Amino acid sequence: MPIGYVAERWTDFGVATAGAAAALLGLLIVAVSINLERILQFPHLPHRAAQTLILLALPLITALLLIVPGQPDAALGWEYLVLGLAAGTYLLVTDLRIPITENETRRTWLMGRLVPDAVTGGCLAVAGVTLLAQGGGGLYWLVPSVLAAFFFGLLNAWVLLVEILR
């Protein structure tokens, strides 16, 4: 069976992802706690902090599910499908409720809000579907999901730590 459909062959990826995500979540908590007063002064930044928390927690949860010993691949597929749809939908719905700020253009709003939600949650859901179908990429879809979550999570963390002080 191809490696993309055998979860036990992905444990190293899961362990590395879990470690990186846990470290980044810890750093995010420090960044938010350092700048909490400043973050609360802007109506959209508490949401951005919550979005960042979810973006960095999603790879951690994804990785922990991946390294559960003896879990059937079909169960993992369903977990990823549900998790991807739930997280992606939650992020999209909450982002659509926050109006565009005066510093954002439609393009930056789209790139900074909707793309991270769609790529992170969507690729995770696709990983679940293709793992269940045993065709279409399987666990290889975790890579863009995790990378997008890390990239956009770090970008948001930078804003919460540095940019709001300018």
N, C-alpha and C. Protein backbone atom coordinates (compact mmCIF):
# COMPACT_ATOMS: atom_id res chain seq x y z
N MET A 1 0.84 -1.18 0.00
CA MET A 1 0.00 0.00 0.00
C MET A 1 0.89 1.25 0.00
N PRO A 2 0.56 2.27 -0.82
CA PRO A 2 1.36 3.50 -0.88
C PRO A 2 1.44 4.19 0.49
N ILE A 3 2.55 4.84 0.73
CA ILE A 3 2.84 5.45 2.03
C ILE A 3 1.82 6.52 2.44
N GLY A 4 1.19 7.17 1.48
CA GLY A 4 0.22 8.22 1.79
C GLY A 4 -1.04 7.71 2.45
N TYR A 5 -1.21 6.40 2.52
CA TYR A 5 -2.43 5.83 3.07
C TYR A 5 -2.16 4.92 4.26
N VAL A 6 -0.96 5.00 4.81
CA VAL A 6 -0.58 4.17 5.96
C VAL A 6 -0.10 5.11 7.07
N ALA A 7 -0.97 5.36 8.02
CA ALA A 7 -0.68 6.33 9.07
C ALA A 7 0.55 5.97 9.88
N GLU A 8 0.78 4.70 10.12
CA GLU A 8 1.93 4.30 10.95
C GLU A 8 3.26 4.68 10.32
N ARG A 9 3.28 4.96 9.01
CA ARG A 9 4.51 5.40 8.34
C ARG A 9 4.73 6.90 8.47
N TRP A 10 3.79 7.61 9.10
CA TRP A 10 3.84 9.05 9.24
C TRP A 10 4.12 9.50 10.68
N THR A 11 4.53 8.58 11.53
CA THR A 11 4.72 8.94 12.94
C THR A 11 5.82 9.98 13.14
N ASP A 12 6.90 9.90 12.37
CA ASP A 12 7.96 10.91 12.51
C ASP A 12 7.43 12.31 12.16
N PHE A 13 6.64 12.39 11.11
CA PHE A 13 6.01 13.66 10.74
C PHE A 13 5.11 14.14 11.88
N GLY A 14 4.36 13.24 12.46
CA GLY A 14 3.46 13.58 13.56
C GLY A 14 4.21 14.07 14.78
N VAL A 15 5.28 13.40 15.15
CA VAL A 15 6.05 13.80 16.32
C VAL A 15 6.70 15.17 16.09
N ALA A 16 7.28 15.37 14.92
CA ALA A 16 7.91 16.66 14.61
C ALA A 16 6.87 17.79 14.60
N THR A 17 5.73 17.53 14.00
CA THR A 17 4.67 18.54 13.93
C THR A 17 4.13 18.86 15.32
N ALA A 18 3.91 17.84 16.14
CA ALA A 18 3.40 18.07 17.49
C ALA A 18 4.38 18.92 18.30
N GLY A 19 5.66 18.61 18.21
CA GLY A 19 6.66 19.38 18.95
C GLY A 19 6.71 20.83 18.50
N ALA A 20 6.72 21.04 17.19
CA ALA A 20 6.78 22.40 16.65
C ALA A 20 5.52 23.18 17.02
N ALA A 21 4.37 22.55 16.88
CA ALA A 21 3.11 23.24 17.18
C ALA A 21 3.01 23.58 18.66
N ALA A 22 3.43 22.68 19.52
CA ALA A 22 3.39 22.96 20.96
C ALA A 22 4.30 24.13 21.32
N ALA A 23 5.49 24.16 20.73
CA ALA A 23 6.41 25.27 20.99
C ALA A 23 5.83 26.59 20.50
N LEU A 24 5.26 26.59 19.30
CA LEU A 24 4.68 27.82 18.75
C LEU A 24 3.47 28.28 19.56
N LEU A 25 2.67 27.34 20.04
CA LEU A 25 1.54 27.72 20.89
C LEU A 25 2.02 28.38 22.17
N GLY A 26 3.07 27.85 22.76
CA GLY A 26 3.64 28.45 23.97
C GLY A 26 4.13 29.86 23.71
N LEU A 27 4.80 30.06 22.59
CA LEU A 27 5.29 31.39 22.24
C LEU A 27 4.13 32.36 21.98
N LEU A 28 3.08 31.86 21.37
CA LEU A 28 1.91 32.70 21.12
C LEU A 28 1.29 33.16 22.44
N ILE A 29 1.18 32.27 23.39
CA ILE A 29 0.61 32.63 24.69
C ILE A 29 1.45 33.71 25.37
N VAL A 30 2.77 33.59 25.25
CA VAL A 30 3.65 34.62 25.81
C VAL A 30 3.45 35.94 25.08
N ALA A 31 3.38 35.90 23.75
CA ALA A 31 3.21 37.13 22.96
C ALA A 31 1.90 37.83 23.31
N VAL A 32 0.83 37.06 23.44
CA VAL A 32 -0.47 37.65 23.76
C VAL A 32 -0.45 38.21 25.18
N SER A 33 0.14 37.49 26.11
CA SER A 33 0.15 37.97 27.49
C SER A 33 0.99 39.24 27.64
N ILE A 34 2.07 39.36 26.88
CA ILE A 34 2.91 40.55 26.93
C ILE A 34 2.16 41.77 26.40
N ASN A 35 1.38 41.58 25.35
CA ASN A 35 0.71 42.71 24.68
C ASN A 35 -0.81 42.71 24.87
N LEU A 36 -1.30 42.07 25.92
CA LEU A 36 -2.75 41.92 26.07
C LEU A 36 -3.48 43.27 26.12
N GLU A 37 -2.98 44.22 26.86
CA GLU A 37 -3.65 45.52 26.93
C GLU A 37 -3.73 46.17 25.55
N ARG A 38 -2.65 46.13 24.82
CA ARG A 38 -2.61 46.73 23.48
C ARG A 38 -3.53 45.97 22.52
N ILE A 39 -3.54 44.66 22.60
CA ILE A 39 -4.41 43.84 21.73
C ILE A 39 -5.87 44.19 21.98
N LEU A 40 -6.25 44.38 23.22
CA LEU A 40 -7.64 44.67 23.56
C LEU A 40 -8.08 46.07 23.12
N GLN A 41 -7.13 46.93 22.76
CA GLN A 41 -7.47 48.28 22.29
C GLN A 41 -8.00 48.28 20.86
N PHE A 42 -7.76 47.22 20.13
CA PHE A 42 -8.20 47.13 18.74
C PHE A 42 -9.32 46.10 18.65
N PRO A 43 -10.47 46.48 18.11
CA PRO A 43 -11.62 45.56 18.10
C PRO A 43 -11.38 44.25 17.35
N HIS A 44 -10.54 44.24 16.32
CA HIS A 44 -10.33 43.03 15.52
C HIS A 44 -9.19 42.15 16.03
N LEU A 45 -8.32 42.67 16.89
CA LEU A 45 -7.16 41.88 17.31
C LEU A 45 -7.46 40.73 18.27
N PRO A 46 -8.42 40.83 19.18
CA PRO A 46 -8.74 39.64 19.98
C PRO A 46 -9.17 38.45 19.10
N HIS A 47 -9.92 38.77 18.02
CA HIS A 47 -10.30 37.71 17.08
C HIS A 47 -9.07 37.15 16.39
N ARG A 48 -8.15 38.03 16.01
CA ARG A 48 -6.93 37.57 15.34
C ARG A 48 -6.10 36.68 16.27
N ALA A 49 -6.08 37.01 17.55
CA ALA A 49 -5.38 36.18 18.53
C ALA A 49 -6.05 34.81 18.64
N ALA A 50 -7.38 34.79 18.65
CA ALA A 50 -8.10 33.52 18.71
C ALA A 50 -7.87 32.70 17.44
N GLN A 51 -7.89 33.37 16.29
CA GLN A 51 -7.64 32.68 15.02
C GLN A 51 -6.24 32.06 15.04
N THR A 52 -5.28 32.80 15.54
CA THR A 52 -3.91 32.31 15.59
C THR A 52 -3.80 31.11 16.52
N LEU A 53 -4.49 31.16 17.63
CA LEU A 53 -4.51 30.02 18.56
C LEU A 53 -5.05 28.77 17.87
N ILE A 54 -6.14 28.94 17.13
CA ILE A 54 -6.73 27.80 16.42
C ILE A 54 -5.80 27.32 15.31
N LEU A 55 -5.21 28.26 14.56
CA LEU A 55 -4.30 27.88 13.48
C LEU A 55 -3.12 27.07 13.99
N LEU A 56 -2.60 27.41 15.17
CA LEU A 56 -1.45 26.68 15.70
C LEU A 56 -1.86 25.44 16.49
N ALA A 57 -3.08 25.43 17.01
CA ALA A 57 -3.55 24.24 17.72
C ALA A 57 -3.96 23.13 16.75
N LEU A 58 -4.42 23.51 15.58
CA LEU A 58 -4.88 22.51 14.60
C LEU A 58 -3.78 21.53 14.20
N PRO A 59 -2.56 21.98 13.88
CA PRO A 59 -1.51 21.00 13.58
C PRO A 59 -1.15 20.13 14.79
N LEU A 60 -1.26 20.68 16.00
CA LEU A 60 -0.98 19.88 17.19
C LEU A 60 -2.00 18.75 17.32
N ILE A 61 -3.26 19.08 17.18
CA ILE A 61 -4.32 18.06 17.27
C ILE A 61 -4.18 17.06 16.13
N THR A 62 -3.92 17.57 14.92
CA THR A 62 -3.73 16.71 13.76
C THR A 62 -2.60 15.71 14.00
N ALA A 63 -1.49 16.20 14.54
CA ALA A 63 -0.33 15.34 14.79
C ALA A 63 -0.62 14.32 15.88
N LEU A 64 -1.29 14.75 16.94
CA LEU A 64 -1.59 13.81 18.03
C LEU A 64 -2.52 12.70 17.55
N LEU A 65 -3.48 13.04 16.71
CA LEU A 65 -4.36 12.01 16.15
C LEU A 65 -3.57 11.05 15.27
N LEU A 66 -2.59 11.58 14.55
CA LEU A 66 -1.79 10.77 13.64
C LEU A 66 -0.95 9.73 14.38
N ILE A 67 -0.47 10.05 15.56
CA ILE A 67 0.45 9.15 16.26
C ILE A 67 -0.22 8.26 17.29
N VAL A 68 -1.56 8.23 17.30
CA VAL A 68 -2.26 7.30 18.19
C VAL A 68 -1.93 5.87 17.75
N PRO A 69 -1.35 5.08 18.64
CA PRO A 69 -0.95 3.73 18.22
C PRO A 69 -2.14 2.82 17.92
N GLY A 70 -2.04 2.11 16.83
CA GLY A 70 -3.03 1.11 16.47
C GLY A 70 -4.37 1.64 15.99
N GLN A 71 -4.48 2.93 15.79
CA GLN A 71 -5.74 3.50 15.31
C GLN A 71 -5.97 3.10 13.86
N PRO A 72 -7.15 2.61 13.52
CA PRO A 72 -7.43 2.28 12.12
C PRO A 72 -7.36 3.52 11.23
N ASP A 73 -6.85 3.35 10.03
CA ASP A 73 -6.73 4.46 9.10
C ASP A 73 -8.09 5.08 8.77
N ALA A 74 -9.14 4.26 8.73
CA ALA A 74 -10.48 4.79 8.45
C ALA A 74 -10.93 5.72 9.58
N ALA A 75 -10.64 5.38 10.81
CA ALA A 75 -11.00 6.26 11.93
C ALA A 75 -10.26 7.59 11.82
N LEU A 76 -8.98 7.52 11.47
CA LEU A 76 -8.19 8.73 11.30
C LEU A 76 -8.75 9.59 10.16
N GLY A 77 -9.16 8.95 9.09
CA GLY A 77 -9.76 9.68 7.98
C GLY A 77 -11.00 10.45 8.41
N TRP A 78 -11.87 9.80 9.17
CA TRP A 78 -13.07 10.48 9.66
C TRP A 78 -12.72 11.62 10.62
N GLU A 79 -11.73 11.39 11.48
CA GLU A 79 -11.31 12.44 12.41
C GLU A 79 -10.81 13.66 11.67
N TYR A 80 -10.00 13.44 10.64
CA TYR A 80 -9.46 14.56 9.86
C TYR A 80 -10.56 15.27 9.08
N LEU A 81 -11.47 14.52 8.54
CA LEU A 81 -12.57 15.13 7.79
C LEU A 81 -13.39 16.03 8.70
N VAL A 82 -13.80 15.52 9.84
CA VAL A 82 -14.62 16.30 10.78
C VAL A 82 -13.84 17.48 11.34
N LEU A 83 -12.59 17.24 11.75
CA LEU A 83 -11.77 18.31 12.31
C LEU A 83 -11.51 19.42 11.28
N GLY A 84 -11.18 19.04 10.06
CA GLY A 84 -10.94 20.03 9.01
C GLY A 84 -12.17 20.85 8.69
N LEU A 85 -13.32 20.18 8.57
CA LEU A 85 -14.55 20.91 8.28
C LEU A 85 -14.96 21.81 9.44
N ALA A 86 -14.85 21.30 10.66
CA ALA A 86 -15.25 22.09 11.83
C ALA A 86 -14.35 23.31 12.02
N ALA A 87 -13.05 23.10 11.98
CA ALA A 87 -12.12 24.21 12.18
C ALA A 87 -12.20 25.21 11.04
N GLY A 88 -12.20 24.72 9.80
CA GLY A 88 -12.28 25.60 8.65
C GLY A 88 -13.56 26.42 8.64
N THR A 89 -14.68 25.77 8.94
CA THR A 89 -15.96 26.47 8.96
C THR A 89 -16.00 27.51 10.08
N TYR A 90 -15.54 27.14 11.26
CA TYR A 90 -15.53 28.09 12.38
C TYR A 90 -14.68 29.32 12.02
N LEU A 91 -13.48 29.08 11.51
CA LEU A 91 -12.59 30.19 11.15
C LEU A 91 -13.21 31.07 10.06
N LEU A 92 -13.77 30.44 9.04
CA LEU A 92 -14.38 31.22 7.95
C LEU A 92 -15.56 32.05 8.43
N VAL A 93 -16.44 31.44 9.21
CA VAL A 93 -17.63 32.15 9.69
C VAL A 93 -17.24 33.32 10.58
N THR A 94 -16.30 33.10 11.48
CA THR A 94 -15.91 34.19 12.37
C THR A 94 -15.17 35.29 11.59
N ASP A 95 -14.36 34.91 10.61
CA ASP A 95 -13.67 35.92 9.81
C ASP A 95 -14.65 36.75 8.98
N LEU A 96 -15.69 36.13 8.47
CA LEU A 96 -16.68 36.86 7.68
C LEU A 96 -17.48 37.84 8.52
N ARG A 97 -17.56 37.61 9.82
CA ARG A 97 -18.30 38.50 10.72
C ARG A 97 -17.51 39.75 11.10
N ILE A 98 -16.20 39.70 10.96
CA ILE A 98 -15.35 40.83 11.33
C ILE A 98 -15.22 41.74 10.10
N PRO A 99 -15.61 43.00 10.21
CA PRO A 99 -15.52 43.88 9.05
C PRO A 99 -14.07 44.17 8.66
N ILE A 100 -13.89 44.56 7.43
CA ILE A 100 -12.56 44.94 6.94
C ILE A 100 -12.14 46.22 7.68
N THR A 101 -10.93 46.23 8.20
CA THR A 101 -10.45 47.39 8.93
C THR A 101 -9.96 48.45 7.95
N GLU A 102 -9.71 49.65 8.47
CA GLU A 102 -9.26 50.74 7.60
C GLU A 102 -7.87 50.50 7.04
N ASN A 103 -7.09 49.65 7.67
CA ASN A 103 -5.73 49.34 7.19
C ASN A 103 -5.70 48.19 6.19
N GLU A 104 -6.85 47.55 5.94
CA GLU A 104 -6.89 46.40 5.05
C GLU A 104 -7.51 46.77 3.70
N THR A 105 -6.99 46.14 2.67
CA THR A 105 -7.66 46.18 1.38
C THR A 105 -8.41 44.87 1.24
N ARG A 106 -9.24 44.77 0.23
CA ARG A 106 -9.93 43.49 0.01
C ARG A 106 -8.94 42.35 -0.19
N ARG A 107 -7.85 42.65 -0.89
CA ARG A 107 -6.85 41.62 -1.16
C ARG A 107 -6.16 41.15 0.13
N THR A 108 -5.74 42.11 0.97
CA THR A 108 -5.08 41.70 2.21
C THR A 108 -6.07 41.01 3.14
N TRP A 109 -7.33 41.42 3.10
CA TRP A 109 -8.36 40.76 3.90
C TRP A 109 -8.53 39.31 3.44
N LEU A 110 -8.60 39.13 2.14
CA LEU A 110 -8.75 37.79 1.58
C LEU A 110 -7.53 36.93 1.92
N MET A 111 -6.34 37.46 1.68
CA MET A 111 -5.11 36.69 1.91
C MET A 111 -4.86 36.45 3.40
N GLY A 112 -5.20 37.41 4.23
CA GLY A 112 -4.90 37.29 5.65
C GLY A 112 -5.95 36.57 6.45
N ARG A 113 -7.15 36.50 5.92
CA ARG A 113 -8.22 35.87 6.69
C ARG A 113 -8.77 34.61 6.06
N LEU A 114 -9.22 34.71 4.81
CA LEU A 114 -9.93 33.58 4.22
C LEU A 114 -9.00 32.48 3.70
N VAL A 115 -7.87 32.84 3.12
CA VAL A 115 -6.96 31.83 2.59
C VAL A 115 -6.42 30.91 3.69
N PRO A 116 -5.98 31.45 4.84
CA PRO A 116 -5.51 30.54 5.89
C PRO A 116 -6.59 29.56 6.34
N ASP A 117 -7.81 30.04 6.47
CA ASP A 117 -8.91 29.19 6.91
C ASP A 117 -9.18 28.08 5.90
N ALA A 118 -9.28 28.48 4.64
CA ALA A 118 -9.62 27.53 3.58
C ALA A 118 -8.52 26.50 3.36
N VAL A 119 -7.28 26.95 3.33
CA VAL A 119 -6.17 26.02 3.07
C VAL A 119 -5.96 25.08 4.25
N THR A 120 -5.92 25.63 5.46
CA THR A 120 -5.66 24.80 6.63
C THR A 120 -6.78 23.78 6.87
N GLY A 121 -8.00 24.27 6.96
CA GLY A 121 -9.12 23.36 7.20
C GLY A 121 -9.45 22.51 5.99
N GLY A 122 -9.39 23.12 4.80
CA GLY A 122 -9.73 22.39 3.57
C GLY A 122 -8.79 21.25 3.27
N CYS A 123 -7.49 21.51 3.37
CA CYS A 123 -6.52 20.44 3.09
C CYS A 123 -6.62 19.32 4.11
N LEU A 124 -6.92 19.67 5.36
CA LEU A 124 -7.09 18.64 6.38
C LEU A 124 -8.32 17.77 6.07
N ALA A 125 -9.41 18.41 5.66
CA ALA A 125 -10.61 17.66 5.29
C ALA A 125 -10.35 16.78 4.06
N VAL A 126 -9.62 17.30 3.09
CA VAL A 126 -9.27 16.51 1.91
C VAL A 126 -8.39 15.32 2.30
N ALA A 127 -7.48 15.52 3.25
CA ALA A 127 -6.66 14.40 3.75
C ALA A 127 -7.57 13.31 4.30
N GLY A 128 -8.59 13.70 5.03
CA GLY A 128 -9.52 12.72 5.59
C GLY A 128 -10.29 11.99 4.51
N VAL A 129 -10.82 12.73 3.55
CA VAL A 129 -11.60 12.12 2.46
C VAL A 129 -10.74 11.17 1.64
N THR A 130 -9.55 11.63 1.26
CA THR A 130 -8.71 10.79 0.40
C THR A 130 -8.12 9.60 1.15
N LEU A 131 -7.94 9.74 2.46
CA LEU A 131 -7.52 8.59 3.26
C LEU A 131 -8.64 7.56 3.30
N LEU A 132 -9.86 8.02 3.47
CA LEU A 132 -11.01 7.10 3.46
C LEU A 132 -11.19 6.44 2.09
N ALA A 133 -10.98 7.21 1.02
CA ALA A 133 -11.17 6.69 -0.34
C ALA A 133 -9.98 5.87 -0.81
N GLN A 134 -8.85 5.96 -0.09
CA GLN A 134 -7.62 5.28 -0.47
C GLN A 134 -7.16 5.70 -1.86
N GLY A 135 -7.38 6.97 -2.19
CA GLY A 135 -6.95 7.52 -3.46
C GLY A 135 -7.03 9.03 -3.43
N GLY A 136 -6.10 9.70 -4.12
CA GLY A 136 -6.14 11.14 -4.20
C GLY A 136 -5.13 11.86 -3.32
N GLY A 137 -4.23 11.14 -2.72
CA GLY A 137 -3.17 11.79 -1.96
C GLY A 137 -3.08 11.39 -0.51
N GLY A 138 -4.20 11.11 0.12
CA GLY A 138 -4.18 10.66 1.51
C GLY A 138 -3.49 11.65 2.43
N LEU A 139 -2.57 11.12 3.22
CA LEU A 139 -1.90 11.92 4.25
C LEU A 139 -0.96 12.97 3.69
N TYR A 140 -0.64 12.91 2.41
CA TYR A 140 0.18 13.97 1.83
C TYR A 140 -0.52 15.33 1.90
N TRP A 141 -1.83 15.34 2.03
CA TRP A 141 -2.58 16.59 2.17
C TRP A 141 -2.33 17.24 3.53
N LEU A 142 -1.76 16.51 4.48
CA LEU A 142 -1.43 17.11 5.77
C LEU A 142 -0.33 18.16 5.62
N VAL A 143 0.56 17.94 4.68
CA VAL A 143 1.71 18.84 4.53
C VAL A 143 1.27 20.28 4.23
N PRO A 144 0.44 20.53 3.20
CA PRO A 144 0.02 21.92 2.99
C PRO A 144 -0.84 22.46 4.14
N SER A 145 -1.63 21.61 4.76
CA SER A 145 -2.45 22.06 5.89
C SER A 145 -1.57 22.54 7.03
N VAL A 146 -0.58 21.75 7.40
CA VAL A 146 0.32 22.10 8.51
C VAL A 146 1.18 23.31 8.14
N LEU A 147 1.73 23.32 6.94
CA LEU A 147 2.57 24.45 6.53
C LEU A 147 1.79 25.76 6.49
N ALA A 148 0.56 25.72 5.98
CA ALA A 148 -0.27 26.93 5.94
C ALA A 148 -0.60 27.40 7.35
N ALA A 149 -0.94 26.46 8.23
CA ALA A 149 -1.25 26.82 9.62
C ALA A 149 -0.05 27.47 10.29
N PHE A 150 1.13 26.89 10.10
CA PHE A 150 2.34 27.46 10.70
C PHE A 150 2.66 28.83 10.09
N PHE A 151 2.62 28.93 8.78
CA PHE A 151 2.95 30.19 8.12
C PHE A 151 2.03 31.32 8.56
N PHE A 152 0.72 31.09 8.44
CA PHE A 152 -0.23 32.14 8.77
C PHE A 152 -0.31 32.36 10.28
N GLY A 153 -0.12 31.31 11.06
CA GLY A 153 -0.07 31.48 12.51
C GLY A 153 1.12 32.33 12.93
N LEU A 154 2.28 32.10 12.33
CA LEU A 154 3.46 32.91 12.63
C LEU A 154 3.28 34.35 12.17
N LEU A 155 2.67 34.52 11.03
CA LEU A 155 2.40 35.87 10.52
C LEU A 155 1.50 36.63 11.49
N ASN A 156 0.44 35.99 11.95
CA ASN A 156 -0.46 36.62 12.92
C ASN A 156 0.27 36.88 14.24
N ALA A 157 1.08 35.94 14.67
CA ALA A 157 1.83 36.12 15.92
C ALA A 157 2.76 37.33 15.82
N TRP A 158 3.37 37.52 14.66
CA TRP A 158 4.24 38.68 14.45
C TRP A 158 3.45 39.97 14.62
N VAL A 159 2.25 40.01 14.07
CA VAL A 159 1.41 41.20 14.21
C VAL A 159 1.07 41.42 15.69
N LEU A 160 0.74 40.36 16.40
CA LEU A 160 0.35 40.48 17.81
C LEU A 160 1.51 40.85 18.71
N LEU A 161 2.71 40.50 18.30
CA LEU A 161 3.89 40.76 19.14
C LEU A 161 4.60 42.05 18.77
N VAL A 162 4.74 42.33 17.47
CA VAL A 162 5.59 43.44 17.04
C VAL A 162 4.79 44.57 16.39
N GLU A 163 4.00 44.23 15.40
CA GLU A 163 3.36 45.28 14.58
C GLU A 163 2.43 46.18 15.37
N ILE A 164 1.77 45.67 16.40
CA ILE A 164 0.84 46.52 17.13
C ILE A 164 1.55 47.57 17.98
N LEU A 165 2.86 47.41 18.14
CA LEU A 165 3.63 48.38 18.92
C LEU A 165 4.16 49.52 18.07
N ARG A 166 3.99 49.45 16.76
CA ARG A 166 4.49 50.50 15.86
C ARG A 166 3.57 51.68 15.81
